[in-house]
């Protein structure tokens, strides 16, 4: 499992993010405070405070580099 911080601060960004990760058969969780939601759930994402960075847990071992490459536009560099 890998955790990265992402930003989904616009409706278009949320839509494209969900489109991008639904291409993968792995599980993705978004964590904001005490809430954990399925990152493939667009309704779940809109229930979070999108003005702050969100932690994304990627439950994948194989193909992690490909996933990170596709998620680059959303990842907040530390």
PDB file of N, CA and C in Angstrom:
ATOM      1  N   UNK A   1       0.846  -1.187   0.000  1.00  0.00           N
ATOM      2  CA  UNK A   1       0.000   0.000   0.000  1.00  0.00           C
ATOM      3  C   UNK A   1       0.883   1.239   0.000  1.00  0.00           C
ATOM      4  N   UNK A   2       0.441   2.248  -0.719  1.00  0.00           N
ATOM      5  CA  UNK A   2       1.153   3.530  -0.787  1.00  0.00           C
ATOM      6  C   UNK A   2       0.162   4.634  -0.486  1.00  0.00           C
ATOM      7  N   UNK A   3       0.619   5.645   0.253  1.00  0.00           N
ATOM      8  CA  UNK A   3      -0.218   6.797   0.570  1.00  0.00           C
ATOM      9  C   UNK A   3       0.404   8.051  -0.023  1.00  0.00           C
ATOM     10  N   UNK A   4      -0.427   8.831  -0.723  1.00  0.00           N
ATOM     11  CA  UNK A   4       0.009  10.120  -1.272  1.00  0.00           C
ATOM     12  C   UNK A   4      -1.033  11.169  -0.922  1.00  0.00           C
ATOM     13  N   UNK A   5      -0.605  12.423  -0.907  1.00  0.00           N
ATOM     14  CA  UNK A   5      -1.552  13.516  -0.679  1.00  0.00           C
ATOM     15  C   UNK A   5      -1.979  14.067  -2.023  1.00  0.00           C
ATOM     16  N   UNK A   6      -3.287  14.265  -2.169  1.00  0.00           N
ATOM     17  CA  UNK A   6      -3.805  14.791  -3.428  1.00  0.00           C
ATOM     18  C   UNK A   6      -4.672  16.008  -3.171  1.00  0.00           C
ATOM     19  N   UNK A   7      -4.914  16.754  -4.233  1.00  0.00           N
ATOM     20  CA  UNK A   7      -5.799  17.911  -4.179  1.00  0.00           C
ATOM     21  C   UNK A   7      -6.891  17.722  -5.229  1.00  0.00           C
ATOM     22  N   UNK A   8      -8.135  17.818  -4.793  1.00  0.00           N
ATOM     23  CA  UNK A   8      -9.293  17.727  -5.704  1.00  0.00           C
ATOM     24  C   UNK A   8     -10.151  18.962  -5.482  1.00  0.00           C
ATOM     25  N   UNK A   9      -9.611  20.127  -5.858  1.00  0.00           N
ATOM     26  CA  UNK A   9     -10.254  21.384  -5.493  1.00  0.00           C
ATOM     27  C   UNK A   9     -11.196  21.962  -6.548  1.00  0.00           C
ATOM     28  N   UNK A  10     -11.630  21.133  -7.508  1.00  0.00           N
ATOM     29  CA  UNK A  10     -12.643  21.595  -8.471  1.00  0.00           C
ATOM     30  C   UNK A  10     -13.493  20.399  -8.923  1.00  0.00           C
ATOM     31  N   UNK A  11     -14.683  20.697  -9.391  1.00  0.00           N
ATOM     32  CA  UNK A  11     -15.596  19.643  -9.838  1.00  0.00           C
ATOM     33  C   UNK A  11     -14.984  18.870 -11.007  1.00  0.00           C
ATOM     34  N   UNK A  12     -14.373  19.587 -11.952  1.00  0.00           N
ATOM     35  CA  UNK A  12     -13.752  18.927 -13.106  1.00  0.00           C
ATOM     36  C   UNK A  12     -12.615  18.012 -12.679  1.00  0.00           C
ATOM     37  N   UNK A  13     -11.856  18.445 -11.672  1.00  0.00           N
ATOM     38  CA  UNK A  13     -10.746  17.629 -11.168  1.00  0.00           C
ATOM     39  C   UNK A  13     -11.272  16.346 -10.533  1.00  0.00           C
ATOM     40  N   UNK A  14     -12.373  16.435  -9.798  1.00  0.00           N
ATOM     41  CA  UNK A  14     -12.970  15.247  -9.170  1.00  0.00           C
ATOM     42  C   UNK A  14     -13.433  14.277 -10.249  1.00  0.00           C
ATOM     43  N   UNK A  15     -14.116  14.779 -11.260  1.00  0.00           N
ATOM     44  CA  UNK A  15     -14.613  13.924 -12.343  1.00  0.00           C
ATOM     45  C   UNK A  15     -13.473  13.214 -13.061  1.00  0.00           C
ATOM     46  N   UNK A  16     -12.425  13.947 -13.416  1.00  0.00           N
ATOM     47  CA  UNK A  16     -11.323  13.318 -14.145  1.00  0.00           C
ATOM     48  C   UNK A  16     -10.556  12.348 -13.246  1.00  0.00           C
ATOM     49  N   UNK A  17     -10.437  12.668 -11.937  1.00  0.00           N
ATOM     50  CA  UNK A  17      -9.778  11.767 -10.990  1.00  0.00           C
ATOM     51  C   UNK A  17     -10.513  10.430 -10.918  1.00  0.00           C
ATOM     52  N   UNK A  18     -11.835  10.469 -10.758  1.00  0.00           N
ATOM     53  CA  UNK A  18     -12.624   9.240 -10.681  1.00  0.00           C
ATOM     54  C   UNK A  18     -12.515   8.462 -11.991  1.00  0.00           C
ATOM     55  N   UNK A  19     -12.566   9.158 -13.123  1.00  0.00           N
ATOM     56  CA  UNK A  19     -12.384   8.503 -14.429  1.00  0.00           C
ATOM     57  C   UNK A  19     -11.035   7.795 -14.512  1.00  0.00           C
ATOM     58  N   UNK A  20      -9.994   8.461 -14.036  1.00  0.00           N
ATOM     59  CA  UNK A  20      -8.646   7.889 -14.113  1.00  0.00           C
ATOM     60  C   UNK A  20      -8.494   6.649 -13.238  1.00  0.00           C
ATOM     61  N   UNK A  21      -8.997   6.685 -12.004  1.00  0.00           N
ATOM     62  CA  UNK A  21      -8.746   5.537 -11.113  1.00  0.00           C
ATOM     63  C   UNK A  21      -9.698   4.373 -11.345  1.00  0.00           C
ATOM     64  N   UNK A  22     -10.840   4.612 -11.982  1.00  0.00           N
ATOM     65  CA  UNK A  22     -11.740   3.484 -12.255  1.00  0.00           C
ATOM     66  C   UNK A  22     -11.175   2.563 -13.331  1.00  0.00           C
ATOM     67  N   UNK A  23     -10.123   2.988 -14.007  1.00  0.00           N
ATOM     68  CA  UNK A  23      -9.458   2.140 -15.007  1.00  0.00           C
ATOM     69  C   UNK A  23      -8.680   1.002 -14.347  1.00  0.00           C
ATOM     70  N   UNK A  24      -8.436   1.131 -13.050  1.00  0.00           N
ATOM     71  CA  UNK A  24      -7.645   0.133 -12.327  1.00  0.00           C
ATOM     72  C   UNK A  24      -8.535  -0.760 -11.481  1.00  0.00           C
ATOM     73  N   UNK A  25      -8.124  -2.024 -11.328  1.00  0.00           N
ATOM     74  CA  UNK A  25      -8.888  -2.983 -10.534  1.00  0.00           C
ATOM     75  C   UNK A  25      -8.512  -2.963  -9.056  1.00  0.00           C
ATOM     76  N   UNK A  26      -7.662  -2.039  -8.657  1.00  0.00           N
ATOM     77  CA  UNK A  26      -7.224  -1.968  -7.268  1.00  0.00           C
ATOM     78  C   UNK A  26      -8.189  -1.125  -6.433  1.00  0.00           C
ATOM     79  N   UNK A  27      -8.037  -1.234  -5.111  1.00  0.00           N
ATOM     80  CA  UNK A  27      -8.837  -0.410  -4.208  1.00  0.00           C
ATOM     81  C   UNK A  27      -8.101   0.885  -3.894  1.00  0.00           C
ATOM     82  N   UNK A  28      -8.866   1.963  -3.822  1.00  0.00           N
ATOM     83  CA  UNK A  28      -8.330   3.270  -3.483  1.00  0.00           C
ATOM     84  C   UNK A  28      -9.219   3.857  -2.384  1.00  0.00           C
ATOM     85  N   UNK A  29      -8.597   4.347  -1.308  1.00  0.00           N
ATOM     86  CA  UNK A  29      -9.349   4.985  -0.224  1.00  0.00           C
ATOM     87  C   UNK A  29      -8.904   6.429  -0.089  1.00  0.00           C
ATOM     88  N   UNK A  30      -9.867   7.312   0.134  1.00  0.00           N
ATOM     89  CA  UNK A  30      -9.556   8.702   0.445  1.00  0.00           C
ATOM     90  C   UNK A  30      -9.789   8.909   1.934  1.00  0.00           C
ATOM     91  N   UNK A  31      -8.828   9.547   2.606  1.00  0.00           N
ATOM     92  CA  UNK A  31      -8.930   9.775   4.042  1.00  0.00           C
ATOM     93  C   UNK A  31      -8.876  11.274   4.301  1.00  0.00           C
ATOM     94  N   UNK A  32      -9.911  11.769   4.932  1.00  0.00           N
ATOM     95  CA  UNK A  32      -9.976  13.172   5.308  1.00  0.00           C
ATOM     96  C   UNK A  32     -10.463  13.229   6.746  1.00  0.00           C
ATOM     97  N   UNK A  33      -9.559  13.546   7.653  1.00  0.00           N
ATOM     98  CA  UNK A  33      -9.914  13.531   9.069  1.00  0.00           C
ATOM     99  C   UNK A  33     -10.250  12.122   9.497  1.00  0.00           C
ATOM    100  N   UNK A  34     -11.446  11.925  10.042  1.00  0.00           N
ATOM    101  CA  UNK A  34     -11.833  10.582  10.480  1.00  0.00           C
ATOM    102  C   UNK A  34     -12.682   9.846   9.442  1.00  0.00           C
ATOM    103  N   UNK A  35     -12.847  10.449   8.287  1.00  0.00           N
ATOM    104  CA  UNK A  35     -13.641   9.837   7.229  1.00  0.00           C
ATOM    105  C   UNK A  35     -12.765   9.067   6.249  1.00  0.00           C
ATOM    106  N   UNK A  36     -13.191   7.863   5.926  1.00  0.00           N
ATOM    107  CA  UNK A  36     -12.528   7.051   4.901  1.00  0.00           C
ATOM    108  C   UNK A  36     -13.594   6.671   3.886  1.00  0.00           C
ATOM    109  N   UNK A  37     -13.370   7.041   2.635  1.00  0.00           N
ATOM    110  CA  UNK A  37     -14.359   6.726   1.605  1.00  0.00           C
ATOM    111  C   UNK A  37     -13.682   6.056   0.409  1.00  0.00           C
ATOM    112  N   UNK A  38     -14.476   5.356  -0.369  1.00  0.00           N
ATOM    113  CA  UNK A  38     -14.001   4.718  -1.601  1.00  0.00           C
ATOM    114  C   UNK A  38     -13.704   5.833  -2.608  1.00  0.00           C
ATOM    115  N   UNK A  39     -12.464   5.890  -3.084  1.00  0.00           N
ATOM    116  CA  UNK A  39     -12.062   6.962  -3.998  1.00  0.00           C
ATOM    117  C   UNK A  39     -12.741   6.864  -5.361  1.00  0.00           C
ATOM    118  N   UNK A  40     -13.376   5.734  -5.653  1.00  0.00           N
ATOM    119  CA  UNK A  40     -14.085   5.582  -6.930  1.00  0.00           C
ATOM    120  C   UNK A  40     -15.529   6.077  -6.830  1.00  0.00           C
ATOM    121  N   UNK A  41     -15.925   6.531  -5.645  1.00  0.00           N
ATOM    122  CA  UNK A  41     -17.290   7.021  -5.428  1.00  0.00           C
ATOM    123  C   UNK A  41     -17.327   8.544  -5.550  1.00  0.00           C
ATOM    124  N   UNK A  42     -17.869   9.016  -6.658  1.00  0.00           N
ATOM    125  CA  UNK A  42     -17.912  10.463  -6.881  1.00  0.00           C
ATOM    126  C   UNK A  42     -18.779  11.160  -5.821  1.00  0.00           C
ATOM    127  N   UNK A  43     -19.858  10.520  -5.411  1.00  0.00           N
ATOM    128  CA  UNK A  43     -20.710  11.103  -4.364  1.00  0.00           C
ATOM    129  C   UNK A  43     -19.969  11.142  -3.027  1.00  0.00           C
ATOM    130  N   UNK A  44     -19.196  10.090  -2.750  1.00  0.00           N
ATOM    131  CA  UNK A  44     -18.410  10.068  -1.520  1.00  0.00           C
ATOM    132  C   UNK A  44     -17.380  11.184  -1.483  1.00  0.00           C
ATOM    133  N   UNK A  45     -16.735  11.418  -2.617  1.00  0.00           N
ATOM    134  CA  UNK A  45     -15.722  12.476  -2.692  1.00  0.00           C
ATOM    135  C   UNK A  45     -16.344  13.832  -2.407  1.00  0.00           C
ATOM    136  N   UNK A  46     -17.529  14.077  -2.947  1.00  0.00           N
ATOM    137  CA  UNK A  46     -18.173  15.375  -2.731  1.00  0.00           C
ATOM    138  C   UNK A  46     -18.647  15.561  -1.291  1.00  0.00           C
ATOM    139  N   UNK A  47     -18.629  14.493  -0.493  1.00  0.00           N
ATOM    140  CA  UNK A  47     -19.002  14.637   0.919  1.00  0.00           C
ATOM    141  C   UNK A  47     -17.815  15.102   1.765  1.00  0.00           C
ATOM    142  N   UNK A  48     -16.619  15.155   1.164  1.00  0.00           N
ATOM    143  CA  UNK A  48     -15.417  15.575   1.884  1.00  0.00           C
ATOM    144  C   UNK A  48     -15.178  17.075   1.729  1.00  0.00           C
ATOM    145  N   UNK A  49     -14.336  17.618   2.608  1.00  0.00           N
ATOM    146  CA  UNK A  49     -13.904  19.008   2.498  1.00  0.00           C
ATOM    147  C   UNK A  49     -12.808  19.064   1.447  1.00  0.00           C
ATOM    148  N   UNK A  50     -13.155  19.498   0.243  1.00  0.00           N
ATOM    149  CA  UNK A  50     -12.217  19.470  -0.876  1.00  0.00           C
ATOM    150  C   UNK A  50     -11.282  20.675  -0.907  1.00  0.00           C
ATOM    151  N   UNK A  51     -11.424  21.580   0.054  1.00  0.00           N
ATOM    152  CA  UNK A  51     -10.532  22.742   0.097  1.00  0.00           C
ATOM    153  C   UNK A  51      -9.187  22.394   0.721  1.00  0.00           C
ATOM    154  N   UNK A  52      -9.102  21.219   1.341  1.00  0.00           N
ATOM    155  CA  UNK A  52      -7.859  20.779   1.993  1.00  0.00           C
ATOM    156  C   UNK A  52      -7.288  19.579   1.246  1.00  0.00           C
ATOM    157  N   UNK A  53      -5.970  19.347   1.406  1.00  0.00           N
ATOM    158  CA  UNK A  53      -5.384  18.133   0.810  1.00  0.00           C
ATOM    159  C   UNK A  53      -6.005  16.876   1.429  1.00  0.00           C
ATOM    160  N   UNK A  54      -6.090  15.820   0.637  1.00  0.00           N
ATOM    161  CA  UNK A  54      -6.702  14.565   1.065  1.00  0.00           C
ATOM    162  C   UNK A  54      -5.667  13.459   0.895  1.00  0.00           C
ATOM    163  N   UNK A  55      -5.624  12.529   1.849  1.00  0.00           N
ATOM    164  CA  UNK A  55      -4.724  11.380   1.718  1.00  0.00           C
ATOM    165  C   UNK A  55      -5.384  10.317   0.853  1.00  0.00           C
ATOM    166  N   UNK A  56      -4.620   9.774  -0.080  1.00  0.00           N
ATOM    167  CA  UNK A  56      -5.098   8.692  -0.937  1.00  0.00           C
ATOM    168  C   UNK A  56      -4.280   7.447  -0.643  1.00  0.00           C
ATOM    169  N   UNK A  57      -4.958   6.387  -0.192  1.00  0.00           N
ATOM    170  CA  UNK A  57      -4.305   5.090  -0.001  1.00  0.00           C
ATOM    171  C   UNK A  57      -4.517   4.267  -1.258  1.00  0.00           C
ATOM    172  N   UNK A  58      -3.421   3.814  -1.832  1.00  0.00           N
ATOM    173  CA  UNK A  58      -3.467   2.984  -3.039  1.00  0.00           C
ATOM    174  C   UNK A  58      -3.136   1.560  -2.612  1.00  0.00           C
ATOM    175  N   UNK A  59      -4.096   0.663  -2.737  1.00  0.00           N
ATOM    176  CA  UNK A  59      -3.914  -0.731  -2.322  1.00  0.00           C
ATOM    177  C   UNK A  59      -3.469  -1.565  -3.527  1.00  0.00           C
ATOM    178  N   UNK A  60      -2.225  -1.314  -3.951  1.00  0.00           N
ATOM    179  CA  UNK A  60      -1.691  -2.033  -5.113  1.00  0.00           C
ATOM    180  C   UNK A  60      -0.202  -2.250  -4.911  1.00  0.00           C
ATOM    181  N   UNK A  61       0.274  -3.374  -5.376  1.00  0.00           N
ATOM    182  CA  UNK A  61       1.706  -3.632  -5.349  1.00  0.00           C
ATOM    183  C   UNK A  61       2.250  -3.544  -6.770  1.00  0.00           C
ATOM    184  N   UNK A  62       1.666  -4.336  -7.641  1.00  0.00           N
ATOM    185  CA  UNK A  62       2.072  -4.310  -9.047  1.00  0.00           C
ATOM    186  C   UNK A  62       1.440  -3.097  -9.725  1.00  0.00           C
ATOM    187  N   UNK A  63       2.149  -2.511 -10.661  1.00  0.00           N
ATOM    188  CA  UNK A  63       1.594  -1.399 -11.431  1.00  0.00           C
ATOM    189  C   UNK A  63       1.546  -0.073 -10.697  1.00  0.00           C
ATOM    190  N   UNK A  64       2.230   0.022  -9.565  1.00  0.00           N
ATOM    191  CA  UNK A  64       2.180   1.246  -8.762  1.00  0.00           C
ATOM    192  C   UNK A  64       2.749   2.446  -9.521  1.00  0.00           C
ATOM    193  N   UNK A  65       3.829   2.232 -10.268  1.00  0.00           N
ATOM    194  CA  UNK A  65       4.426   3.339 -11.027  1.00  0.00           C
ATOM    195  C   UNK A  65       3.471   3.887 -12.075  1.00  0.00           C
ATOM    196  N   UNK A  66       2.732   2.991 -12.724  1.00  0.00           N
ATOM    197  CA  UNK A  66       1.748   3.420 -13.728  1.00  0.00           C
ATOM    198  C   UNK A  66       0.635   4.241 -13.076  1.00  0.00           C
ATOM    199  N   UNK A  67       0.174   3.781 -11.918  1.00  0.00           N
ATOM    200  CA  UNK A  67      -0.884   4.496 -11.190  1.00  0.00           C
ATOM    201  C   UNK A  67      -0.399   5.886 -10.796  1.00  0.00           C
ATOM    202  N   UNK A  68       0.810   5.956 -10.241  1.00  0.00           N
ATOM    203  CA  UNK A  68       1.356   7.250  -9.800  1.00  0.00           C
ATOM    204  C   UNK A  68       1.551   8.203 -10.974  1.00  0.00           C
ATOM    205  N   UNK A  69       1.917   7.668 -12.127  1.00  0.00           N
ATOM    206  CA  UNK A  69       2.096   8.499 -13.317  1.00  0.00           C
ATOM    207  C   UNK A  69       0.757   9.121 -13.744  1.00  0.00           C
ATOM    208  N   UNK A  70      -0.306   8.322 -13.724  1.00  0.00           N
ATOM    209  CA  UNK A  70      -1.627   8.813 -14.124  1.00  0.00           C
ATOM    210  C   UNK A  70      -2.168   9.809 -13.089  1.00  0.00           C
ATOM    211  N   UNK A  71      -1.821   9.609 -11.814  1.00  0.00           N
ATOM    212  CA  UNK A  71      -2.320  10.480 -10.748  1.00  0.00           C
ATOM    213  C   UNK A  71      -1.463  11.740 -10.537  1.00  0.00           C
ATOM    214  N   UNK A  72      -0.408  11.908 -11.308  1.00  0.00           N
ATOM    215  CA  UNK A  72       0.494  13.061 -11.145  1.00  0.00           C
ATOM    216  C   UNK A  72      -0.217  14.419 -11.079  1.00  0.00           C
ATOM    217  N   UNK A  73      -1.223  14.666 -11.915  1.00  0.00           N
ATOM    218  CA  UNK A  73      -1.873  15.995 -11.870  1.00  0.00           C
ATOM    219  C   UNK A  73      -2.564  16.297 -10.534  1.00  0.00           C
ATOM    220  N   UNK A  74      -2.848  15.270  -9.750  1.00  0.00           N
ATOM    221  CA  UNK A  74      -3.582  15.453  -8.496  1.00  0.00           C
ATOM    222  C   UNK A  74      -2.681  15.423  -7.265  1.00  0.00           C
ATOM    223  N   UNK A  75      -1.493  14.844  -7.418  1.00  0.00           N
ATOM    224  CA  UNK A  75      -0.593  14.647  -6.266  1.00  0.00           C
ATOM    225  C   UNK A  75       0.063  15.967  -5.875  1.00  0.00           C
ATOM    226  N   UNK A  76       0.070  16.210  -4.576  1.00  0.00           N
ATOM    227  CA  UNK A  76       0.733  17.396  -4.033  1.00  0.00           C
ATOM    228  C   UNK A  76       2.169  17.005  -3.709  1.00  0.00           C
ATOM    229  N   UNK A  77       3.111  17.681  -4.333  1.00  0.00           N
ATOM    230  CA  UNK A  77       4.531  17.389  -4.070  1.00  0.00           C
ATOM    231  C   UNK A  77       4.915  17.894  -2.691  1.00  0.00           C
ATOM    232  N   UNK A  78       5.681  17.059  -2.009  1.00  0.00           N
ATOM    233  CA  UNK A  78       6.110  17.464  -0.658  1.00  0.00           C
ATOM    234  C   UNK A  78       7.500  18.031  -0.698  1.00  0.00           C
TER     235      UNK A  78
END
